């Protein structure tokens, strides 16, 4: 058995990894989690904080539509 290494990855191990299929709901939930964490770091009175809060509300509506 020949062991190949390309850019630091063992190709045999990389071939054994199964791909994961993401649904639209999974994608939206991941974005929602990220924005919630970002909102905790930002000041809610700042412009950036307000924009993140608006985007969180939009994502919550989108998740409900997809569900």
N, C-alpha and C. Protein backbone atom coordinates (compact mmCIF):
# COMPACT_ATOMS: atom_id res chain seq x y z
N UNK A 1 0.84 -1.18 0.00
CA UNK A 1 0.00 0.00 0.00
C UNK A 1 0.88 1.24 0.00
N UNK A 2 0.63 2.12 -0.91
CA UNK A 2 1.41 3.34 -1.03
C UNK A 2 0.72 4.46 -0.25
N UNK A 3 1.49 5.16 0.54
CA UNK A 3 0.96 6.25 1.35
C UNK A 3 1.36 7.57 0.70
N UNK A 4 0.40 8.34 0.28
CA UNK A 4 0.66 9.62 -0.36
C UNK A 4 0.37 10.74 0.62
N UNK A 5 1.16 11.77 0.56
CA UNK A 5 0.92 12.95 1.39
C UNK A 5 0.92 14.17 0.49
N UNK A 6 -0.18 14.88 0.46
CA UNK A 6 -0.32 16.06 -0.39
C UNK A 6 -0.65 17.24 0.51
N UNK A 7 0.21 18.24 0.51
CA UNK A 7 0.02 19.46 1.30
C UNK A 7 -0.28 19.15 2.76
N UNK A 8 0.39 18.18 3.33
CA UNK A 8 0.24 17.87 4.74
C UNK A 8 -0.93 16.97 5.08
N UNK A 9 -1.70 16.54 4.09
CA UNK A 9 -2.84 15.66 4.35
C UNK A 9 -2.53 14.25 3.87
N UNK A 10 -2.80 13.30 4.70
CA UNK A 10 -2.68 11.90 4.33
C UNK A 10 -3.89 11.58 3.44
N UNK A 11 -3.66 11.30 2.17
CA UNK A 11 -4.77 11.12 1.23
C UNK A 11 -5.66 9.95 1.60
N UNK A 12 -5.11 8.90 2.17
CA UNK A 12 -5.94 7.76 2.56
C UNK A 12 -6.91 8.16 3.66
N UNK A 13 -6.44 8.96 4.61
CA UNK A 13 -7.32 9.42 5.69
C UNK A 13 -8.34 10.41 5.16
N UNK A 14 -7.93 11.26 4.23
CA UNK A 14 -8.87 12.24 3.66
C UNK A 14 -9.96 11.55 2.85
N UNK A 15 -9.61 10.47 2.15
CA UNK A 15 -10.60 9.72 1.38
C UNK A 15 -11.61 9.03 2.29
N UNK A 16 -11.21 8.68 3.50
CA UNK A 16 -12.09 7.96 4.42
C UNK A 16 -13.13 8.88 5.06
N UNK A 17 -12.92 10.19 4.98
CA UNK A 17 -13.86 11.14 5.60
C UNK A 17 -15.13 11.20 4.77
N UNK A 18 -16.25 11.04 5.42
CA UNK A 18 -17.53 11.10 4.73
C UNK A 18 -17.99 12.55 4.66
N UNK A 19 -18.51 12.93 3.51
CA UNK A 19 -19.00 14.29 3.36
C UNK A 19 -20.32 14.43 4.08
N UNK A 20 -20.59 15.63 4.53
CA UNK A 20 -21.82 15.89 5.27
C UNK A 20 -22.69 16.84 4.45
N UNK A 21 -23.93 16.49 4.33
CA UNK A 21 -24.87 17.32 3.58
C UNK A 21 -25.57 18.29 4.54
N UNK A 22 -25.48 19.58 4.24
CA UNK A 22 -26.14 20.59 5.05
C UNK A 22 -27.44 21.00 4.38
N UNK A 23 -28.47 21.12 5.19
CA UNK A 23 -29.74 21.62 4.68
C UNK A 23 -29.77 23.13 4.86
N UNK A 24 -30.76 23.76 4.27
CA UNK A 24 -30.90 25.21 4.41
C UNK A 24 -31.12 25.58 5.88
N UNK A 25 -31.86 24.75 6.59
CA UNK A 25 -32.13 25.01 8.01
C UNK A 25 -30.84 24.93 8.82
N UNK A 26 -29.97 23.95 8.53
CA UNK A 26 -28.69 23.84 9.22
C UNK A 26 -27.84 25.08 8.99
N UNK A 27 -27.80 25.53 7.75
CA UNK A 27 -27.02 26.72 7.40
C UNK A 27 -27.53 27.95 8.16
N UNK A 28 -28.84 28.13 8.19
CA UNK A 28 -29.41 29.28 8.89
C UNK A 28 -29.16 29.20 10.39
N UNK A 29 -29.25 28.01 10.96
CA UNK A 29 -29.00 27.85 12.39
C UNK A 29 -27.54 28.16 12.73
N UNK A 30 -26.61 27.76 11.87
CA UNK A 30 -25.20 28.07 12.10
C UNK A 30 -24.96 29.57 12.07
N UNK A 31 -25.60 30.25 11.11
CA UNK A 31 -25.48 31.71 11.05
C UNK A 31 -26.08 32.35 12.29
N UNK A 32 -27.20 31.81 12.74
CA UNK A 32 -27.88 32.35 13.92
C UNK A 32 -27.00 32.22 15.16
N UNK A 33 -26.36 31.08 15.32
CA UNK A 33 -25.47 30.87 16.47
C UNK A 33 -24.31 31.86 16.41
N UNK A 34 -23.72 32.02 15.23
CA UNK A 34 -22.60 32.95 15.08
C UNK A 34 -23.02 34.38 15.43
N UNK A 35 -24.17 34.81 14.92
CA UNK A 35 -24.60 36.19 15.17
C UNK A 35 -24.99 36.40 16.63
N UNK A 36 -25.54 35.39 17.29
CA UNK A 36 -25.86 35.51 18.71
C UNK A 36 -24.58 35.72 19.53
N UNK A 37 -23.53 34.96 19.19
CA UNK A 37 -22.25 35.14 19.89
C UNK A 37 -21.65 36.51 19.60
N UNK A 38 -21.77 36.96 18.36
CA UNK A 38 -21.26 38.27 18.00
C UNK A 38 -22.02 39.37 18.72
N UNK A 39 -23.33 39.21 18.85
CA UNK A 39 -24.15 40.20 19.54
C UNK A 39 -23.76 40.33 21.01
N UNK A 40 -23.32 39.23 21.61
CA UNK A 40 -22.88 39.28 23.00
C UNK A 40 -21.62 40.13 23.15
N UNK A 41 -20.81 40.19 22.11
CA UNK A 41 -19.56 40.94 22.17
C UNK A 41 -19.75 42.42 21.84
N UNK A 42 -20.79 42.73 21.07
CA UNK A 42 -20.99 44.11 20.61
C UNK A 42 -21.89 44.89 21.56
N UNK A 43 -21.72 46.19 21.56
CA UNK A 43 -22.59 47.08 22.32
C UNK A 43 -23.89 47.22 21.55
N UNK A 44 -25.03 46.93 22.18
CA UNK A 44 -26.31 46.95 21.47
C UNK A 44 -26.71 48.37 21.05
N UNK A 45 -26.10 49.40 21.65
CA UNK A 45 -26.41 50.78 21.29
C UNK A 45 -25.60 51.26 20.09
N UNK A 46 -24.60 50.50 19.69
CA UNK A 46 -23.79 50.91 18.53
C UNK A 46 -24.51 50.52 17.25
N UNK A 47 -24.06 51.13 16.15
CA UNK A 47 -24.66 50.83 14.85
C UNK A 47 -24.45 49.37 14.47
N UNK A 48 -23.25 48.85 14.71
CA UNK A 48 -22.96 47.46 14.38
C UNK A 48 -23.83 46.52 15.21
N UNK A 49 -24.00 46.83 16.48
CA UNK A 49 -24.83 46.00 17.35
C UNK A 49 -26.29 45.99 16.89
N UNK A 50 -26.77 47.16 16.46
CA UNK A 50 -28.15 47.24 15.97
C UNK A 50 -28.33 46.45 14.69
N UNK A 51 -27.33 46.51 13.81
CA UNK A 51 -27.41 45.77 12.55
C UNK A 51 -27.41 44.26 12.79
N UNK A 52 -26.58 43.81 13.75
CA UNK A 52 -26.54 42.39 14.08
C UNK A 52 -27.87 41.95 14.68
N UNK A 53 -28.45 42.78 15.54
CA UNK A 53 -29.75 42.44 16.13
C UNK A 53 -30.84 42.33 15.06
N UNK A 54 -30.81 43.23 14.07
CA UNK A 54 -31.80 43.15 12.99
C UNK A 54 -31.60 41.88 12.16
N UNK A 55 -30.35 41.52 11.92
CA UNK A 55 -30.07 40.32 11.15
C UNK A 55 -30.50 39.06 11.90
N UNK A 56 -30.35 39.07 13.22
CA UNK A 56 -30.80 37.93 14.04
C UNK A 56 -32.31 37.76 13.90
N UNK A 57 -33.04 38.86 13.93
CA UNK A 57 -34.49 38.78 13.76
C UNK A 57 -34.86 38.24 12.38
N UNK A 58 -34.14 38.68 11.36
CA UNK A 58 -34.39 38.19 9.99
C UNK A 58 -34.12 36.68 9.89
N UNK A 59 -33.04 36.24 10.53
CA UNK A 59 -32.71 34.82 10.49
C UNK A 59 -33.75 33.98 11.22
N UNK A 60 -34.24 34.48 12.34
CA UNK A 60 -35.25 33.74 13.08
C UNK A 60 -36.52 33.56 12.24
N UNK A 61 -36.89 34.62 11.48
CA UNK A 61 -38.05 34.49 10.60
C UNK A 61 -37.79 33.51 9.47
N UNK A 62 -36.58 33.53 8.93
CA UNK A 62 -36.22 32.62 7.85
C UNK A 62 -36.22 31.17 8.32
N UNK A 63 -35.75 30.94 9.54
CA UNK A 63 -35.74 29.58 10.09
C UNK A 63 -37.17 29.08 10.27
N UNK A 64 -38.07 29.95 10.71
CA UNK A 64 -39.46 29.56 10.87
C UNK A 64 -40.09 29.23 9.51
N UNK A 65 -39.74 29.99 8.47
CA UNK A 65 -40.29 29.73 7.14
C UNK A 65 -39.82 28.39 6.62
N UNK A 66 -38.55 28.04 6.85
CA UNK A 66 -37.98 26.80 6.35
C UNK A 66 -38.53 25.61 7.12
N UNK A 67 -38.82 25.80 8.40
CA UNK A 67 -39.28 24.67 9.25
C UNK A 67 -40.60 24.12 8.81
